[in-house]
Amino acid sequence: MNSIHALLHEGAFDPETVQVVVQAFESCRETIPETVDRPLMEELMAKRILQLARRGIRDPIELCTGAQKQLGINLSRR
């Protein structure tokens, strides 16, 4: 997925944060429902994860769950 890498160039993150953001994105994208436009949802998810990382969140689980919440991905319905 190139969208997370392309978006990473828009903000300055240290190498450790880049690893956390990519890890969060890779695990979180597996939760995208099959009923949505996957490329669009991946881009939106990447943007939400980066927004949360810019706010100082560095836990990949928290980044993923925060993005899911913002995008309305309810894992209990999957």
N, C-alpha and C. Protein backbone atom coordinates (compact mmCIF):
# COMPACT_ATOMS: atom_id res chain seq x y z
N MET A 1 0.85 -1.18 0.00
CA MET A 1 0.00 0.00 0.00
C MET A 1 0.89 1.23 0.00
N ASN A 2 0.75 2.04 -1.00
CA ASN A 2 1.58 3.22 -1.13
C ASN A 2 1.03 4.43 -0.41
N SER A 3 -0.27 4.45 -0.09
CA SER A 3 -0.86 5.67 0.46
C SER A 3 -0.24 6.05 1.80
N ILE A 4 0.03 5.10 2.66
CA ILE A 4 0.62 5.45 3.96
C ILE A 4 2.03 6.00 3.76
N HIS A 5 2.78 5.42 2.84
CA HIS A 5 4.15 5.89 2.61
C HIS A 5 4.15 7.27 1.97
N ALA A 6 3.25 7.50 1.05
CA ALA A 6 3.15 8.82 0.42
C ALA A 6 2.74 9.87 1.44
N LEU A 7 1.80 9.51 2.30
CA LEU A 7 1.33 10.46 3.31
C LEU A 7 2.38 10.72 4.37
N LEU A 8 3.24 9.77 4.63
CA LEU A 8 4.28 9.97 5.63
C LEU A 8 5.23 11.11 5.23
N HIS A 9 5.37 11.34 3.94
CA HIS A 9 6.25 12.42 3.48
C HIS A 9 5.68 13.80 3.76
N GLU A 10 4.39 13.87 4.09
CA GLU A 10 3.76 15.15 4.39
C GLU A 10 4.06 15.65 5.79
N GLY A 11 4.57 14.78 6.64
CA GLY A 11 4.87 15.18 8.01
C GLY A 11 6.21 14.59 8.43
N ALA A 12 6.85 15.27 9.35
CA ALA A 12 8.15 14.81 9.82
C ALA A 12 7.98 13.91 11.03
N PHE A 13 8.36 12.66 10.89
CA PHE A 13 8.32 11.71 11.98
C PHE A 13 9.70 11.07 12.10
N ASP A 14 10.08 10.76 13.33
CA ASP A 14 11.34 10.05 13.52
C ASP A 14 11.16 8.60 13.06
N PRO A 15 12.26 7.88 12.81
CA PRO A 15 12.16 6.52 12.30
C PRO A 15 11.33 5.57 13.17
N GLU A 16 11.40 5.73 14.47
CA GLU A 16 10.63 4.86 15.36
C GLU A 16 9.13 5.10 15.19
N THR A 17 8.75 6.35 15.05
CA THR A 17 7.34 6.68 14.85
C THR A 17 6.86 6.17 13.50
N VAL A 18 7.68 6.27 12.49
CA VAL A 18 7.33 5.75 11.18
C VAL A 18 7.02 4.26 11.28
N GLN A 19 7.85 3.53 12.00
CA GLN A 19 7.62 2.09 12.18
C GLN A 19 6.28 1.83 12.88
N VAL A 20 5.99 2.59 13.91
CA VAL A 20 4.74 2.43 14.65
C VAL A 20 3.54 2.74 13.76
N VAL A 21 3.63 3.81 12.99
CA VAL A 21 2.53 4.21 12.12
C VAL A 21 2.28 3.14 11.05
N VAL A 22 3.34 2.64 10.44
CA VAL A 22 3.20 1.61 9.42
C VAL A 22 2.64 0.33 10.03
N GLN A 23 3.12 -0.03 11.21
CA GLN A 23 2.61 -1.21 11.91
C GLN A 23 1.12 -1.07 12.20
N ALA A 24 0.72 0.09 12.68
CA ALA A 24 -0.69 0.34 12.98
C ALA A 24 -1.53 0.23 11.71
N PHE A 25 -1.06 0.82 10.64
CA PHE A 25 -1.80 0.80 9.39
C PHE A 25 -1.93 -0.62 8.86
N GLU A 26 -0.84 -1.36 8.86
CA GLU A 26 -0.87 -2.72 8.32
C GLU A 26 -1.82 -3.61 9.09
N SER A 27 -1.84 -3.50 10.40
CA SER A 27 -2.76 -4.33 11.18
C SER A 27 -4.20 -3.83 11.07
N CYS A 28 -4.36 -2.55 10.98
CA CYS A 28 -5.69 -1.95 10.97
C CYS A 28 -6.40 -2.16 9.62
N ARG A 29 -5.66 -2.17 8.55
CA ARG A 29 -6.29 -2.31 7.23
C ARG A 29 -6.95 -3.66 7.07
N GLU A 30 -6.54 -4.63 7.85
CA GLU A 30 -7.17 -5.95 7.82
C GLU A 30 -8.60 -5.91 8.36
N THR A 31 -8.96 -4.85 9.05
CA THR A 31 -10.29 -4.74 9.65
C THR A 31 -11.29 -4.01 8.75
N ILE A 32 -10.86 -3.60 7.57
CA ILE A 32 -11.74 -2.88 6.66
C ILE A 32 -12.82 -3.83 6.17
N PRO A 33 -14.08 -3.45 6.33
CA PRO A 33 -15.17 -4.31 5.85
C PRO A 33 -15.09 -4.54 4.34
N GLU A 34 -15.51 -5.70 3.92
CA GLU A 34 -15.47 -6.04 2.50
C GLU A 34 -16.50 -5.27 1.69
N THR A 35 -17.43 -4.64 2.35
CA THR A 35 -18.53 -3.95 1.67
C THR A 35 -18.23 -2.51 1.29
N VAL A 36 -17.00 -2.06 1.53
CA VAL A 36 -16.65 -0.66 1.23
C VAL A 36 -15.61 -0.60 0.13
N ASP A 37 -15.41 0.60 -0.41
CA ASP A 37 -14.37 0.86 -1.41
C ASP A 37 -13.02 0.78 -0.70
N ARG A 38 -12.33 -0.34 -0.87
CA ARG A 38 -11.10 -0.61 -0.12
C ARG A 38 -10.01 0.46 -0.33
N PRO A 39 -9.67 0.84 -1.56
CA PRO A 39 -8.62 1.86 -1.72
C PRO A 39 -8.96 3.17 -1.02
N LEU A 40 -10.20 3.59 -1.13
CA LEU A 40 -10.61 4.83 -0.48
C LEU A 40 -10.52 4.68 1.04
N MET A 41 -11.02 3.58 1.57
CA MET A 41 -10.99 3.37 3.02
C MET A 41 -9.55 3.27 3.53
N GLU A 42 -8.65 2.65 2.77
CA GLU A 42 -7.25 2.58 3.18
C GLU A 42 -6.64 3.97 3.26
N GLU A 43 -6.96 4.81 2.28
CA GLU A 43 -6.44 6.17 2.31
C GLU A 43 -6.98 6.95 3.50
N LEU A 44 -8.28 6.84 3.74
CA LEU A 44 -8.88 7.52 4.89
C LEU A 44 -8.29 7.01 6.20
N MET A 45 -8.08 5.70 6.28
CA MET A 45 -7.52 5.11 7.49
C MET A 45 -6.10 5.62 7.71
N ALA A 46 -5.31 5.66 6.65
CA ALA A 46 -3.94 6.16 6.76
C ALA A 46 -3.92 7.60 7.26
N LYS A 47 -4.81 8.42 6.72
CA LYS A 47 -4.88 9.82 7.14
C LYS A 47 -5.27 9.94 8.61
N ARG A 48 -6.23 9.13 9.05
CA ARG A 48 -6.64 9.18 10.47
C ARG A 48 -5.51 8.74 11.39
N ILE A 49 -4.81 7.68 11.00
CA ILE A 49 -3.69 7.21 11.82
C ILE A 49 -2.62 8.29 11.91
N LEU A 50 -2.33 8.95 10.81
CA LEU A 50 -1.32 10.01 10.83
C LEU A 50 -1.78 11.20 11.66
N GLN A 51 -3.06 11.54 11.61
CA GLN A 51 -3.56 12.62 12.44
C GLN A 51 -3.36 12.30 13.92
N LEU A 52 -3.66 11.07 14.28
CA LEU A 52 -3.49 10.66 15.68
C LEU A 52 -2.02 10.65 16.07
N ALA A 53 -1.16 10.22 15.17
CA ALA A 53 0.28 10.21 15.45
C ALA A 53 0.80 11.64 15.63
N ARG A 54 0.27 12.56 14.85
CA ARG A 54 0.69 13.97 15.00
C ARG A 54 0.26 14.54 16.35
N ARG A 55 -0.76 13.95 16.94
CA ARG A 55 -1.22 14.38 18.27
C ARG A 55 -0.39 13.74 19.38
N GLY A 56 0.56 12.89 19.00
CA GLY A 56 1.46 12.30 19.99
C GLY A 56 1.19 10.86 20.37
N ILE A 57 0.17 10.25 19.76
CA ILE A 57 -0.11 8.85 20.08
C ILE A 57 0.94 7.98 19.39
N ARG A 58 1.54 7.07 20.16
CA ARG A 58 2.61 6.23 19.64
C ARG A 58 2.35 4.74 19.84
N ASP A 59 1.19 4.40 20.32
CA ASP A 59 0.83 3.00 20.50
C ASP A 59 0.08 2.52 19.26
N PRO A 60 0.58 1.48 18.55
CA PRO A 60 -0.07 1.06 17.32
C PRO A 60 -1.51 0.59 17.52
N ILE A 61 -1.80 -0.02 18.65
CA ILE A 61 -3.17 -0.47 18.91
C ILE A 61 -4.08 0.73 19.09
N GLU A 62 -3.62 1.72 19.82
CA GLU A 62 -4.42 2.93 20.03
C GLU A 62 -4.60 3.70 18.72
N LEU A 63 -3.58 3.73 17.88
CA LEU A 63 -3.70 4.38 16.58
C LEU A 63 -4.75 3.68 15.72
N CYS A 64 -4.72 2.36 15.73
CA CYS A 64 -5.68 1.59 14.93
C CYS A 64 -7.09 1.76 15.46
N THR A 65 -7.29 1.59 16.75
CA THR A 65 -8.64 1.69 17.30
C THR A 65 -9.19 3.11 17.16
N GLY A 66 -8.32 4.10 17.28
CA GLY A 66 -8.76 5.48 17.08
C GLY A 66 -9.22 5.73 15.66
N ALA A 67 -8.47 5.20 14.69
CA ALA A 67 -8.85 5.35 13.28
C ALA A 67 -10.15 4.60 13.01
N GLN A 68 -10.28 3.41 13.55
CA GLN A 68 -11.51 2.64 13.36
C GLN A 68 -12.71 3.40 13.90
N LYS A 69 -12.55 3.97 15.08
CA LYS A 69 -13.64 4.72 15.70
C LYS A 69 -14.03 5.92 14.84
N GLN A 70 -13.03 6.67 14.38
CA GLN A 70 -13.31 7.84 13.55
C GLN A 70 -13.99 7.48 12.24
N LEU A 71 -13.67 6.31 11.71
CA LEU A 71 -14.23 5.88 10.43
C LEU A 71 -15.50 5.06 10.57
N GLY A 72 -15.89 4.82 11.82
CA GLY A 72 -17.13 4.08 12.05
C GLY A 72 -17.03 2.59 11.77
N ILE A 73 -15.83 2.04 11.89
CA ILE A 73 -15.65 0.60 11.70
C ILE A 73 -15.96 -0.08 13.02
N ASN A 74 -17.04 -0.83 13.04
CA ASN A 74 -17.48 -1.51 14.24
C ASN A 74 -17.12 -2.98 14.11
N LEU A 75 -16.12 -3.42 14.85
CA LEU A 75 -15.63 -4.78 14.73
C LEU A 75 -16.63 -5.80 15.26
N SER A 76 -17.55 -5.40 16.09
CA SER A 76 -18.52 -6.35 16.64
C SER A 76 -19.53 -6.79 15.57
N ARG A 77 -19.63 -6.02 14.48
CA ARG A 77 -20.57 -6.37 13.41
C ARG A 77 -19.92 -7.16 12.30
N ARG A 78 -18.63 -7.43 12.37
CA ARG A 78 -17.93 -8.11 11.29
C ARG A 78 -18.17 -9.57 11.31
